Protein backbone atom coordinates (compact mmCIF):
# COMPACT_ATOMS: atom_id res chain seq x y z
CA UNK A 1 -112.83 -18.30 45.63
CA UNK A 2 -113.14 -21.64 43.84
CA UNK A 3 -114.32 -21.66 40.24
CA UNK A 4 -116.11 -24.59 38.58
CA UNK A 5 -114.79 -25.29 35.09
CA UNK A 6 -116.02 -27.60 32.32
CA UNK A 7 -113.40 -28.70 29.77
CA UNK A 8 -115.44 -28.42 26.58
CA UNK A 9 -112.88 -30.53 24.69
CA UNK A 10 -113.54 -33.48 27.01
CA UNK A 11 -117.29 -33.09 27.49
CA UNK A 12 -119.42 -35.62 25.60
CA UNK A 13 -122.75 -34.02 26.50
CA UNK A 14 -124.12 -36.91 28.55
CA UNK A 15 -126.02 -34.49 30.79
CA UNK A 16 -125.24 -36.15 34.12
CA UNK A 17 -124.01 -32.87 35.57
CA UNK A 18 -127.21 -31.10 34.48
CA UNK A 19 -129.34 -33.88 35.96
CA UNK A 20 -127.37 -33.80 39.22
CA UNK A 21 -127.20 -30.02 39.56
CA UNK A 22 -129.44 -28.06 37.15
CA UNK A 23 -128.87 -24.87 39.17
CA UNK A 24 -125.16 -25.00 38.30
CA UNK A 25 -124.92 -26.62 34.84
CA UNK A 26 -126.70 -26.47 31.51
CA UNK A 27 -126.09 -27.81 28.01
CA UNK A 28 -125.29 -25.28 25.32
CA UNK A 29 -126.68 -25.35 21.76
CA UNK A 30 -124.01 -27.87 20.75
CA UNK A 31 -124.98 -30.20 23.62
CA UNK A 32 -121.84 -29.45 25.64
CA UNK A 33 -122.08 -28.74 29.36
CA UNK A 34 -121.34 -25.27 30.63
CA UNK A 35 -121.37 -23.67 34.06
CA UNK A 36 -124.26 -21.30 34.51
CA UNK A 37 -123.66 -20.57 38.21
CA UNK A 38 -120.17 -21.05 39.62
CA UNK A 39 -121.33 -20.05 43.10
CA UNK A 40 -123.95 -22.78 43.20
CA UNK A 41 -124.44 -24.35 46.62
CA UNK A 42 -127.57 -26.38 45.89
CA UNK A 43 -125.64 -29.58 45.20
CA UNK A 44 -122.53 -31.48 46.25
CA UNK A 45 -120.11 -30.38 43.53
CA UNK A 46 -117.66 -33.14 44.42
CA UNK A 47 -120.39 -35.72 43.79
CA UNK A 48 -121.16 -34.11 40.45
CA UNK A 49 -117.46 -34.09 39.52
CA UNK A 50 -117.10 -37.77 40.41
CA UNK A 51 -120.08 -38.69 38.20
CA UNK A 52 -118.62 -37.13 35.05
CA UNK A 53 -117.60 -40.11 32.88
CA UNK A 54 -114.88 -38.18 31.05
CA UNK A 55 -113.59 -36.12 34.01
CA UNK A 56 -114.46 -32.84 32.26
CA UNK A 57 -115.45 -30.95 35.44
CA UNK A 58 -112.87 -29.46 37.79
CA UNK A 59 -112.70 -26.83 40.49
CA UNK A 60 -109.92 -24.26 40.23
CA UNK A 61 -108.70 -22.04 43.01
């Protein structure tokens, strides 16, 4: 099964992933994106990945 991963070192906290797919992503207390639902199917994850300005989102597996 594929796993969505956010590289916290790269993330700048712009929030585009959260805006695009709030069922899958959220910002933590430091303003860094994190995956809250890796099995999310309510958005096009490839579209969300392509919108990340620092390429911090990947899918493994």
